[in-house]
Amino acid sequence: MKRAIAGLLVLFLLLILGYLLFVAKQIAKGSEVVEDHPADVIVVLGAAEYRGRPSPVLRARLNHALVLYLKGLAPYILTTGGAGGDPNYTEGEVGRGYLSHLGVPSEHILVEPEGTTTAQSLDAAAEIMRRMNLNSCIIVSDGYHIYRSKRILEAQHIKVYGSPRPGGEPTSSASRRWLYLRQAVGFMLWQL
C-alpha cells in the first residue's frame, strides 16, 4: 500500500513538473513575439520606482509604450502598480508623471495605483477598461512576463496583444530558463 501511494505521489509530481516545463516553453516562445496591433489602450506593467523616478526597467517599459502610442496604436496608456513600500509614490503614478513629462496629454494617461501583484494590477486595469468600454489592449512588460499577463486579461474577456520591451531578457540562458520556470509556477498558482 505504501509503495502504491509513493508511486502515485511520484507520478503526480512528474505530471506537475511536465506541466511546468510545458508552460515554461510557451512562456519562452511568447517572450519574443511582438504583436504591435491597434488596440483601445496600452497597459504598462509596473516595476520599481525610486523616490518618484522610474527604475531602468520601468523607464524602458514606459519608453516602449510611448513609442507604441506615438505610432498611433492606441489612444490611451494605462500605467499600473502600487506603492511597493514607498509611502509617497506608486509605480502607476510615477509612470503617469514620466509620460506626461515626455508630452503625453494627461487625459490620455490612465492610472491603476493600487495593485501589489501582477494579478491585482491586471484585475484593476480590467475594471478600468470595462468602465471606459475599452475591449482590447497591448500589454507592455518584460518578455517573460507577457504570457501570464495575457492569460490573466484574457480571462477577463479582453483581447490582448503582447509587446515586450526591448532588451528585457537576461543574456544568460540559465537565467532565462529560471525566469521562464518561475513564471510558469506563478501561472500555475494563479490558475489554482
N, C-alpha and C. Protein backbone atom coordinates (compact mmCIF):
# COMPACT_ATOMS: atom_id res chain seq x y z
N MET A 1 0.82 -1.21 0.00
CA MET A 1 0.00 0.00 0.00
C MET A 1 0.86 1.26 0.00
N LYS A 2 1.93 1.24 0.82
CA LYS A 2 2.82 2.41 0.86
C LYS A 2 3.51 2.63 -0.48
N ARG A 3 3.87 1.53 -1.15
CA ARG A 3 4.51 1.66 -2.47
C ARG A 3 3.55 2.25 -3.49
N ALA A 4 2.31 1.85 -3.43
CA ALA A 4 1.31 2.38 -4.36
C ALA A 4 1.12 3.88 -4.14
N ILE A 5 1.06 4.29 -2.87
CA ILE A 5 0.90 5.71 -2.56
C ILE A 5 2.14 6.48 -3.00
N ALA A 6 3.32 5.91 -2.73
CA ALA A 6 4.57 6.57 -3.15
C ALA A 6 4.63 6.66 -4.67
N GLY A 7 4.21 5.61 -5.36
CA GLY A 7 4.20 5.62 -6.82
C GLY A 7 3.26 6.67 -7.37
N LEU A 8 2.07 6.80 -6.77
CA LEU A 8 1.12 7.82 -7.20
C LEU A 8 1.65 9.22 -6.94
N LEU A 9 2.32 9.39 -5.80
CA LEU A 9 2.90 10.68 -5.48
C LEU A 9 3.99 11.07 -6.48
N VAL A 10 4.85 10.11 -6.82
CA VAL A 10 5.90 10.36 -7.82
C VAL A 10 5.27 10.69 -9.17
N LEU A 11 4.24 9.95 -9.56
CA LEU A 11 3.55 10.22 -10.82
C LEU A 11 2.94 11.62 -10.82
N PHE A 12 2.31 11.99 -9.71
CA PHE A 12 1.71 13.32 -9.58
C PHE A 12 2.77 14.41 -9.72
N LEU A 13 3.90 14.22 -9.04
CA LEU A 13 4.99 15.21 -9.11
C LEU A 13 5.56 15.31 -10.52
N LEU A 14 5.68 14.16 -11.21
CA LEU A 14 6.17 14.18 -12.59
C LEU A 14 5.19 14.90 -13.52
N LEU A 15 3.89 14.71 -13.27
CA LEU A 15 2.90 15.41 -14.08
C LEU A 15 2.98 16.92 -13.86
N ILE A 16 3.14 17.34 -12.61
CA ILE A 16 3.27 18.77 -12.33
C ILE A 16 4.53 19.33 -12.98
N LEU A 17 5.64 18.61 -12.84
CA LEU A 17 6.89 19.06 -13.46
C LEU A 17 6.75 19.15 -14.98
N GLY A 18 6.12 18.15 -15.58
CA GLY A 18 5.88 18.18 -17.02
C GLY A 18 5.04 19.38 -17.44
N TYR A 19 3.99 19.66 -16.67
CA TYR A 19 3.14 20.80 -16.95
C TYR A 19 3.94 22.10 -16.85
N LEU A 20 4.74 22.24 -15.78
CA LEU A 20 5.54 23.45 -15.61
C LEU A 20 6.53 23.63 -16.75
N LEU A 21 7.15 22.56 -17.18
CA LEU A 21 8.10 22.65 -18.30
C LEU A 21 7.39 23.02 -19.59
N PHE A 22 6.19 22.48 -19.80
CA PHE A 22 5.40 22.83 -20.98
C PHE A 22 5.06 24.32 -20.97
N VAL A 23 4.56 24.82 -19.83
CA VAL A 23 4.21 26.24 -19.72
C VAL A 23 5.45 27.11 -19.87
N ALA A 24 6.57 26.70 -19.26
CA ALA A 24 7.81 27.46 -19.38
C ALA A 24 8.23 27.57 -20.85
N LYS A 25 8.03 26.51 -21.61
CA LYS A 25 8.37 26.56 -23.04
C LYS A 25 7.44 27.53 -23.77
N GLN A 26 6.15 27.55 -23.42
CA GLN A 26 5.22 28.51 -24.02
C GLN A 26 5.61 29.94 -23.67
N ILE A 27 6.04 30.15 -22.43
CA ILE A 27 6.48 31.48 -21.99
C ILE A 27 7.70 31.91 -22.80
N ALA A 28 8.64 30.98 -22.98
CA ALA A 28 9.85 31.29 -23.75
C ALA A 28 9.50 31.67 -25.19
N LYS A 29 8.61 30.90 -25.81
CA LYS A 29 8.21 31.21 -27.19
C LYS A 29 7.51 32.56 -27.27
N GLY A 30 6.63 32.83 -26.32
CA GLY A 30 5.88 34.07 -26.34
C GLY A 30 6.68 35.29 -25.94
N SER A 31 7.82 35.08 -25.29
CA SER A 31 8.60 36.22 -24.79
C SER A 31 9.23 37.04 -25.91
N GLU A 32 9.31 36.48 -27.09
CA GLU A 32 9.93 37.19 -28.20
C GLU A 32 8.93 37.63 -29.27
N VAL A 33 7.66 37.30 -29.06
CA VAL A 33 6.64 37.65 -30.04
C VAL A 33 6.18 39.08 -29.82
N VAL A 34 6.26 39.87 -30.87
CA VAL A 34 5.82 41.27 -30.82
C VAL A 34 4.52 41.36 -31.60
N GLU A 35 3.44 41.74 -30.89
CA GLU A 35 2.12 41.84 -31.51
C GLU A 35 1.67 43.31 -31.49
N ASP A 36 2.43 44.16 -32.14
CA ASP A 36 2.06 45.57 -32.19
C ASP A 36 0.86 45.72 -33.12
N HIS A 37 -0.31 45.81 -32.53
CA HIS A 37 -1.57 45.79 -33.23
C HIS A 37 -2.45 46.90 -32.67
N PRO A 38 -3.24 47.57 -33.47
CA PRO A 38 -4.12 48.60 -32.93
C PRO A 38 -5.02 48.05 -31.82
N ALA A 39 -5.16 48.83 -30.76
CA ALA A 39 -5.96 48.42 -29.60
C ALA A 39 -6.57 49.66 -28.95
N ASP A 40 -7.38 49.43 -27.95
CA ASP A 40 -8.03 50.54 -27.24
C ASP A 40 -7.10 51.23 -26.25
N VAL A 41 -6.14 50.49 -25.69
CA VAL A 41 -5.27 51.03 -24.65
C VAL A 41 -3.97 50.23 -24.60
N ILE A 42 -2.91 50.88 -24.19
CA ILE A 42 -1.61 50.22 -23.93
C ILE A 42 -1.49 50.11 -22.41
N VAL A 43 -1.36 48.90 -21.91
CA VAL A 43 -1.23 48.66 -20.47
C VAL A 43 0.24 48.40 -20.16
N VAL A 44 0.81 49.23 -19.29
CA VAL A 44 2.21 49.10 -18.89
C VAL A 44 2.27 48.52 -17.49
N LEU A 45 2.88 47.35 -17.36
CA LEU A 45 3.02 46.76 -16.04
C LEU A 45 4.09 47.49 -15.25
N GLY A 46 3.80 47.72 -13.99
CA GLY A 46 4.71 48.46 -13.13
C GLY A 46 6.00 47.71 -12.83
N ALA A 47 6.95 48.46 -12.39
CA ALA A 47 8.24 47.95 -11.90
C ALA A 47 8.71 48.98 -10.89
N ALA A 48 9.82 48.75 -10.29
CA ALA A 48 10.29 49.60 -9.19
C ALA A 48 10.40 51.07 -9.61
N GLU A 49 10.15 51.91 -8.61
CA GLU A 49 10.40 53.33 -8.76
C GLU A 49 11.25 53.75 -7.56
N TYR A 50 12.05 54.77 -7.78
CA TYR A 50 12.95 55.23 -6.72
C TYR A 50 12.66 56.69 -6.42
N ARG A 51 11.94 56.91 -5.32
CA ARG A 51 11.61 58.27 -4.86
C ARG A 51 11.02 59.13 -5.97
N GLY A 52 10.06 58.56 -6.67
CA GLY A 52 9.36 59.30 -7.70
C GLY A 52 9.97 59.22 -9.09
N ARG A 53 11.04 58.47 -9.23
CA ARG A 53 11.67 58.29 -10.55
C ARG A 53 11.59 56.83 -10.96
N PRO A 54 11.29 56.57 -12.23
CA PRO A 54 11.20 55.17 -12.65
C PRO A 54 12.56 54.48 -12.64
N SER A 55 12.57 53.23 -12.22
CA SER A 55 13.78 52.43 -12.30
C SER A 55 14.12 52.23 -13.78
N PRO A 56 15.32 51.74 -14.10
CA PRO A 56 15.65 51.49 -15.51
C PRO A 56 14.65 50.54 -16.19
N VAL A 57 14.16 49.54 -15.48
CA VAL A 57 13.20 48.60 -16.06
C VAL A 57 11.88 49.32 -16.35
N LEU A 58 11.37 50.07 -15.38
CA LEU A 58 10.12 50.79 -15.59
C LEU A 58 10.27 51.84 -16.69
N ARG A 59 11.39 52.53 -16.70
CA ARG A 59 11.62 53.54 -17.74
C ARG A 59 11.61 52.88 -19.13
N ALA A 60 12.25 51.73 -19.26
CA ALA A 60 12.27 51.03 -20.55
C ALA A 60 10.87 50.61 -20.97
N ARG A 61 10.06 50.15 -20.02
CA ARG A 61 8.67 49.78 -20.34
C ARG A 61 7.88 51.01 -20.78
N LEU A 62 8.03 52.10 -20.05
CA LEU A 62 7.31 53.33 -20.38
C LEU A 62 7.75 53.88 -21.73
N ASN A 63 9.04 53.85 -22.01
CA ASN A 63 9.55 54.32 -23.31
C ASN A 63 8.98 53.48 -24.44
N HIS A 64 8.91 52.17 -24.23
CA HIS A 64 8.35 51.29 -25.27
C HIS A 64 6.86 51.61 -25.48
N ALA A 65 6.13 51.81 -24.39
CA ALA A 65 4.72 52.17 -24.51
C ALA A 65 4.56 53.50 -25.24
N LEU A 66 5.45 54.45 -24.96
CA LEU A 66 5.40 55.74 -25.63
C LEU A 66 5.59 55.58 -27.14
N VAL A 67 6.52 54.75 -27.54
CA VAL A 67 6.74 54.50 -28.98
C VAL A 67 5.46 53.94 -29.62
N LEU A 68 4.83 52.98 -28.94
CA LEU A 68 3.59 52.40 -29.47
C LEU A 68 2.49 53.46 -29.56
N TYR A 69 2.39 54.30 -28.54
CA TYR A 69 1.41 55.37 -28.51
C TYR A 69 1.66 56.36 -29.66
N LEU A 70 2.91 56.75 -29.84
CA LEU A 70 3.25 57.70 -30.91
C LEU A 70 3.03 57.11 -32.30
N LYS A 71 3.09 55.79 -32.42
CA LYS A 71 2.76 55.13 -33.68
C LYS A 71 1.26 55.12 -33.93
N GLY A 72 0.48 55.54 -32.94
CA GLY A 72 -0.97 55.58 -33.08
C GLY A 72 -1.66 54.25 -32.86
N LEU A 73 -1.01 53.33 -32.16
CA LEU A 73 -1.60 52.01 -31.96
C LEU A 73 -2.71 52.01 -30.90
N ALA A 74 -2.75 53.00 -30.04
CA ALA A 74 -3.83 53.11 -29.04
C ALA A 74 -3.92 54.57 -28.58
N PRO A 75 -5.14 55.02 -28.23
CA PRO A 75 -5.30 56.41 -27.80
C PRO A 75 -4.99 56.64 -26.32
N TYR A 76 -4.84 55.57 -25.54
CA TYR A 76 -4.57 55.69 -24.11
C TYR A 76 -3.40 54.81 -23.70
N ILE A 77 -2.74 55.24 -22.63
CA ILE A 77 -1.74 54.41 -21.94
C ILE A 77 -2.21 54.27 -20.50
N LEU A 78 -2.26 53.04 -20.01
CA LEU A 78 -2.67 52.77 -18.64
C LEU A 78 -1.44 52.26 -17.88
N THR A 79 -0.97 53.03 -16.91
CA THR A 79 0.18 52.62 -16.10
C THR A 79 -0.34 51.92 -14.84
N THR A 80 0.37 50.89 -14.41
CA THR A 80 -0.09 50.10 -13.26
C THR A 80 1.00 50.04 -12.20
N GLY A 81 0.56 49.69 -11.00
CA GLY A 81 1.50 49.41 -9.91
C GLY A 81 1.28 50.27 -8.69
N GLY A 82 1.30 49.60 -7.55
CA GLY A 82 1.09 50.26 -6.28
C GLY A 82 2.37 50.83 -5.70
N ALA A 83 2.34 51.03 -4.39
CA ALA A 83 3.42 51.73 -3.69
C ALA A 83 4.68 50.90 -3.54
N GLY A 84 4.57 49.60 -3.42
CA GLY A 84 5.77 48.78 -3.29
C GLY A 84 6.65 49.19 -2.13
N GLY A 85 6.06 49.65 -1.04
CA GLY A 85 6.84 50.04 0.14
C GLY A 85 7.19 51.51 0.22
N ASP A 86 6.94 52.27 -0.83
CA ASP A 86 7.22 53.70 -0.82
C ASP A 86 5.97 54.44 -0.38
N PRO A 87 6.01 55.16 0.75
CA PRO A 87 4.80 55.82 1.24
C PRO A 87 4.39 57.06 0.42
N ASN A 88 5.27 57.54 -0.44
CA ASN A 88 4.99 58.78 -1.16
C ASN A 88 4.61 58.61 -2.62
N TYR A 89 5.00 57.50 -3.23
CA TYR A 89 4.80 57.33 -4.67
C TYR A 89 4.29 55.93 -4.98
N THR A 90 3.56 55.82 -6.08
CA THR A 90 3.20 54.50 -6.61
C THR A 90 3.83 54.36 -7.99
N GLU A 91 4.03 53.12 -8.41
CA GLU A 91 4.60 52.87 -9.74
C GLU A 91 3.70 53.46 -10.83
N GLY A 92 2.38 53.30 -10.66
CA GLY A 92 1.45 53.83 -11.65
C GLY A 92 1.52 55.34 -11.77
N GLU A 93 1.60 56.03 -10.63
CA GLU A 93 1.67 57.49 -10.65
C GLU A 93 3.00 57.99 -11.19
N VAL A 94 4.08 57.30 -10.86
CA VAL A 94 5.39 57.65 -11.40
C VAL A 94 5.38 57.48 -12.91
N GLY A 95 4.73 56.41 -13.39
CA GLY A 95 4.60 56.20 -14.83
C GLY A 95 3.85 57.32 -15.50
N ARG A 96 2.76 57.76 -14.86
CA ARG A 96 1.99 58.87 -15.42
C ARG A 96 2.85 60.14 -15.49
N GLY A 97 3.55 60.44 -14.41
CA GLY A 97 4.39 61.63 -14.40
C GLY A 97 5.47 61.60 -15.47
N TYR A 98 6.08 60.44 -15.63
CA TYR A 98 7.14 60.28 -16.63
C TYR A 98 6.58 60.51 -18.04
N LEU A 99 5.45 59.86 -18.35
CA LEU A 99 4.86 60.00 -19.68
C LEU A 99 4.36 61.42 -19.93
N SER A 100 3.80 62.03 -18.91
CA SER A 100 3.33 63.41 -19.03
C SER A 100 4.49 64.34 -19.32
N HIS A 101 5.60 64.12 -18.62
CA HIS A 101 6.81 64.92 -18.84
C HIS A 101 7.32 64.77 -20.28
N LEU A 102 7.08 63.61 -20.89
CA LEU A 102 7.52 63.38 -22.27
C LEU A 102 6.48 63.84 -23.30
N GLY A 103 5.41 64.48 -22.84
CA GLY A 103 4.48 65.10 -23.77
C GLY A 103 3.16 64.38 -23.99
N VAL A 104 2.93 63.25 -23.31
CA VAL A 104 1.64 62.58 -23.47
C VAL A 104 0.60 63.38 -22.68
N PRO A 105 -0.49 63.80 -23.32
CA PRO A 105 -1.51 64.58 -22.61
C PRO A 105 -2.08 63.78 -21.43
N SER A 106 -2.28 64.44 -20.33
CA SER A 106 -2.73 63.75 -19.11
C SER A 106 -4.06 63.04 -19.32
N GLU A 107 -4.91 63.55 -20.18
CA GLU A 107 -6.20 62.89 -20.41
C GLU A 107 -6.06 61.59 -21.21
N HIS A 108 -4.87 61.31 -21.70
CA HIS A 108 -4.61 60.07 -22.43
C HIS A 108 -3.88 59.05 -21.56
N ILE A 109 -3.64 59.40 -20.30
CA ILE A 109 -2.93 58.51 -19.38
C ILE A 109 -3.89 58.08 -18.27
N LEU A 110 -4.09 56.79 -18.16
CA LEU A 110 -4.92 56.21 -17.10
C LEU A 110 -3.98 55.58 -16.08
N VAL A 111 -4.39 55.54 -14.82
CA VAL A 111 -3.51 55.03 -13.77
C VAL A 111 -4.24 54.02 -12.90
N GLU A 112 -3.58 52.91 -12.65
CA GLU A 112 -4.02 51.92 -11.66
C GLU A 112 -2.94 51.95 -10.59
N PRO A 113 -3.16 52.60 -9.44
CA PRO A 113 -2.11 52.80 -8.43
C PRO A 113 -2.18 51.88 -7.22
N GLU A 114 -3.00 50.84 -7.26
CA GLU A 114 -3.24 50.05 -6.06
C GLU A 114 -2.58 48.67 -6.05
N GLY A 115 -2.45 48.04 -7.19
CA GLY A 115 -2.02 46.64 -7.25
C GLY A 115 -0.64 46.39 -6.68
N THR A 116 -0.54 45.35 -5.87
CA THR A 116 0.76 44.96 -5.33
C THR A 116 1.31 43.71 -6.00
N THR A 117 0.49 43.05 -6.81
CA THR A 117 0.93 41.90 -7.60
C THR A 117 0.48 42.10 -9.04
N THR A 118 1.03 41.30 -9.93
CA THR A 118 0.62 41.38 -11.34
C THR A 118 -0.88 41.13 -11.46
N ALA A 119 -1.37 40.08 -10.81
CA ALA A 119 -2.78 39.74 -10.91
C ALA A 119 -3.66 40.87 -10.38
N GLN A 120 -3.30 41.45 -9.25
CA GLN A 120 -4.10 42.56 -8.69
C GLN A 120 -4.11 43.76 -9.64
N SER A 121 -2.94 44.10 -10.16
CA SER A 121 -2.85 45.24 -11.08
C SER A 121 -3.68 45.00 -12.34
N LEU A 122 -3.60 43.79 -12.88
CA LEU A 122 -4.33 43.50 -14.11
C LEU A 122 -5.83 43.39 -13.87
N ASP A 123 -6.24 42.86 -12.72
CA ASP A 123 -7.67 42.83 -12.39
C ASP A 123 -8.21 44.26 -12.30
N ALA A 124 -7.46 45.14 -11.65
CA ALA A 124 -7.88 46.54 -11.53
C ALA A 124 -7.85 47.23 -12.90
N ALA A 125 -6.85 46.93 -13.71
CA ALA A 125 -6.78 47.51 -15.06
C ALA A 125 -7.98 47.05 -15.89
N ALA A 126 -8.35 45.78 -15.77
CA ALA A 126 -9.51 45.26 -16.49
C ALA A 126 -10.78 45.99 -16.06
N GLU A 127 -10.90 46.29 -14.78
CA GLU A 127 -12.07 47.02 -14.28
C GLU A 127 -12.11 48.43 -14.86
N ILE A 128 -10.96 49.10 -14.90
CA ILE A 128 -10.89 50.43 -15.51
C ILE A 128 -11.30 50.35 -16.97
N MET A 129 -10.80 49.35 -17.66
CA MET A 129 -11.13 49.18 -19.08
C MET A 129 -12.63 48.94 -19.27
N ARG A 130 -13.22 48.10 -18.43
CA ARG A 130 -14.66 47.85 -18.55
C ARG A 130 -15.46 49.15 -18.36
N ARG A 131 -15.09 49.93 -17.35
CA ARG A 131 -15.81 51.18 -17.08
C ARG A 131 -15.72 52.15 -18.26
N MET A 132 -14.60 52.10 -18.98
CA MET A 132 -14.40 53.03 -20.10
C MET A 132 -14.77 52.40 -21.45
N ASN A 133 -15.32 51.18 -21.41
CA ASN A 133 -15.70 50.46 -22.62
C ASN A 133 -14.50 50.24 -23.56
N LEU A 134 -13.36 49.90 -22.96
CA LEU A 134 -12.15 49.56 -23.71
C LEU A 134 -12.05 48.04 -23.72
N ASN A 135 -12.01 47.44 -24.90
CA ASN A 135 -12.11 45.98 -25.02
C ASN A 135 -10.83 45.29 -25.46
N SER A 136 -9.82 46.06 -25.82
CA SER A 136 -8.58 45.44 -26.27
C SER A 136 -7.39 46.25 -25.75
N CYS A 137 -6.26 45.56 -25.62
CA CYS A 137 -5.07 46.26 -25.13
C CYS A 137 -3.80 45.62 -25.67
N ILE A 138 -2.75 46.42 -25.62
CA ILE A 138 -1.39 45.94 -25.86
C ILE A 138 -0.74 45.92 -24.48
N ILE A 139 -0.24 44.78 -24.05
CA ILE A 139 0.41 44.69 -22.75
C ILE A 139 1.91 44.88 -22.96
N VAL A 140 2.50 45.79 -22.18
CA VAL A 140 3.93 46.07 -22.25
C VAL A 140 4.57 45.67 -20.94
N SER A 141 5.55 44.81 -21.04
CA SER A 141 6.31 44.36 -19.88
C SER A 141 7.59 43.73 -20.41
N ASP A 142 8.29 43.00 -19.54
CA ASP A 142 9.42 42.20 -19.99
C ASP A 142 8.86 40.95 -20.66
N GLY A 143 9.59 40.40 -21.61
CA GLY A 143 9.09 39.28 -22.40
C GLY A 143 8.61 38.11 -21.57
N TYR A 144 9.35 37.74 -20.56
CA TYR A 144 8.98 36.59 -19.74
C TYR A 144 7.69 36.80 -18.96
N HIS A 145 7.24 38.03 -18.88
CA HIS A 145 6.06 38.39 -18.10
C HIS A 145 4.80 38.44 -18.95
N ILE A 146 4.95 38.42 -20.26
CA ILE A 146 3.83 38.65 -21.18
C ILE A 146 2.81 37.49 -21.15
N TYR A 147 3.28 36.25 -21.18
CA TYR A 147 2.37 35.09 -21.28
C TYR A 147 1.34 35.10 -20.15
N ARG A 148 1.82 35.16 -18.92
CA ARG A 148 0.91 35.13 -17.77
C ARG A 148 0.00 36.36 -17.77
N SER A 149 0.55 37.52 -18.08
CA SER A 149 -0.25 38.74 -18.10
C SER A 149 -1.37 38.66 -19.14
N LYS A 150 -1.05 38.12 -20.31
CA LYS A 150 -2.07 37.97 -21.34
C LYS A 150 -3.18 37.04 -20.87
N ARG A 151 -2.82 35.93 -20.25
CA ARG A 151 -3.83 34.96 -19.81
C ARG A 151 -4.74 35.56 -18.72
N ILE A 152 -4.16 36.36 -17.84
CA ILE A 152 -4.96 36.99 -16.78
C ILE A 152 -6.00 37.93 -17.40
N LEU A 153 -5.60 38.74 -18.37
CA LEU A 153 -6.54 39.67 -19.01
C LEU A 153 -7.52 38.94 -19.92
N GLU A 154 -7.06 37.91 -20.61
CA GLU A 154 -7.98 37.14 -21.46
C GLU A 154 -9.07 36.47 -20.63
N ALA A 155 -8.75 36.08 -19.41
CA ALA A 155 -9.76 35.50 -18.51
C ALA A 155 -10.83 36.54 -18.17
N GLN A 156 -10.52 37.82 -18.35
CA GLN A 156 -11.48 38.91 -18.12
C GLN A 156 -12.19 39.30 -19.43
N HIS A 157 -12.02 38.47 -20.47
CA HIS A 157 -12.66 38.66 -21.78
C HIS A 157 -12.17 39.91 -22.49
N ILE A 158 -10.88 40.16 -22.37
CA ILE A 158 -10.24 41.29 -23.04
C ILE A 158 -9.34 40.73 -24.14
N LYS A 159 -9.39 41.34 -25.30
CA LYS A 159 -8.48 40.98 -26.39
C LYS A 159 -7.12 41.58 -26.07
N VAL A 160 -6.08 40.72 -26.03
CA VAL A 160 -4.77 41.18 -25.56
C VAL A 160 -3.70 40.87 -26.60
N TYR A 161 -2.87 41.87 -26.86
CA TYR A 161 -1.68 41.71 -27.70
C TYR A 161 -0.47 41.96 -26.81
N GLY A 162 0.59 41.23 -27.03
CA GLY A 162 1.80 41.40 -26.23
C GLY A 162 2.86 42.17 -26.99
N SER A 163 3.57 43.03 -26.27
CA SER A 163 4.67 43.78 -26.86
C SER A 163 5.78 43.91 -25.82
N PRO A 164 6.70 42.94 -25.78
CA PRO A 164 7.77 43.00 -24.78
C PRO A 164 8.70 44.18 -25.04
N ARG A 165 9.16 44.77 -23.94
CA ARG A 165 10.10 45.88 -24.09
C ARG A 165 11.42 45.35 -24.64
N PRO A 166 12.10 46.11 -25.47
CA PRO A 166 13.39 45.69 -25.99
C PRO A 166 14.42 45.53 -24.87
N GLY A 167 15.24 44.52 -24.98
CA GLY A 167 16.33 44.32 -24.02
C GLY A 167 15.89 43.82 -22.66
N GLY A 168 14.70 43.25 -22.55
CA GLY A 168 14.20 42.83 -21.25
C GLY A 168 14.59 41.44 -20.82
N GLU A 169 15.19 40.66 -21.69
CA GLU A 169 15.54 39.28 -21.34
C GLU A 169 16.99 39.21 -20.88
N PRO A 170 17.27 38.40 -19.85
CA PRO A 170 18.66 38.22 -19.42
C PRO A 170 19.49 37.60 -20.54
N THR A 171 20.78 37.88 -20.54
CA THR A 171 21.64 37.34 -21.60
C THR A 171 22.01 35.89 -21.34
N SER A 172 22.07 35.48 -20.11
CA SER A 172 22.43 34.10 -19.77
C SER A 172 21.25 33.18 -20.01
N SER A 173 21.48 32.05 -20.72
CA SER A 173 20.38 31.12 -20.99
C SER A 173 19.89 30.47 -19.70
N ALA A 174 20.77 30.26 -18.73
CA ALA A 174 20.34 29.70 -17.45
C ALA A 174 19.42 30.67 -16.73
N SER A 175 19.72 31.95 -16.76
CA SER A 175 18.87 32.96 -16.13
C SER A 175 17.51 33.03 -16.82
N ARG A 176 17.50 32.95 -18.15
CA ARG A 176 16.23 32.96 -18.89
C ARG A 176 15.38 31.75 -18.52
N ARG A 177 16.00 30.57 -18.50
CA ARG A 177 15.25 29.36 -18.15
C ARG A 177 14.67 29.46 -16.75
N TRP A 178 15.44 30.02 -15.81
CA TRP A 178 14.95 30.18 -14.44
C TRP A 178 13.75 31.13 -14.42
N LEU A 179 13.83 32.24 -15.14
CA LEU A 179 12.71 33.18 -15.19
C LEU A 179 11.47 32.52 -15.79
N TYR A 180 11.64 31.75 -16.86
CA TYR A 180 10.51 31.10 -17.50
C TYR A 180 9.87 30.09 -16.55
N LEU A 181 10.69 29.34 -15.83
CA LEU A 181 10.15 28.36 -14.88
C LEU A 181 9.44 29.07 -13.73
N ARG A 182 10.03 30.14 -13.24
CA ARG A 182 9.40 30.90 -12.15
C ARG A 182 8.05 31.47 -12.59
N GLN A 183 7.99 31.99 -13.82
CA GLN A 183 6.72 32.49 -14.35
C GLN A 183 5.71 31.36 -14.53
N ALA A 184 6.18 30.17 -14.91
CA ALA A 184 5.29 29.01 -15.04
C ALA A 184 4.68 28.66 -13.70
N VAL A 185 5.48 28.70 -12.64
CA VAL A 185 4.96 28.43 -11.30
C VAL A 185 3.92 29.50 -10.92
N GLY A 186 4.23 30.76 -11.20
CA GLY A 186 3.28 31.83 -10.92
C GLY A 186 1.99 31.65 -11.69
N PHE A 187 2.10 31.23 -12.93
CA PHE A 187 0.90 31.00 -13.76
C PHE A 187 0.08 29.85 -13.18
N MET A 188 0.74 28.77 -12.79
CA MET A 188 0.02 27.62 -12.21
C MET A 188 -0.68 28.03 -10.91
N LEU A 189 0.00 28.79 -10.08
CA LEU A 189 -0.62 29.25 -8.83
C LEU A 189 -1.82 30.16 -9.10
N TRP A 190 -1.70 31.03 -10.11
CA TRP A 190 -2.83 31.88 -10.47
C TRP A 190 -4.01 31.03 -10.94
N GLN A 191 -3.73 29.99 -11.73
CA GLN A 191 -4.80 29.12 -12.20
C GLN A 191 -5.52 28.42 -11.05
N LEU A 192 -4.76 28.04 -10.04
CA LEU A 192 -5.37 27.36 -8.90
C LEU A 192 -6.23 28.32 -8.11
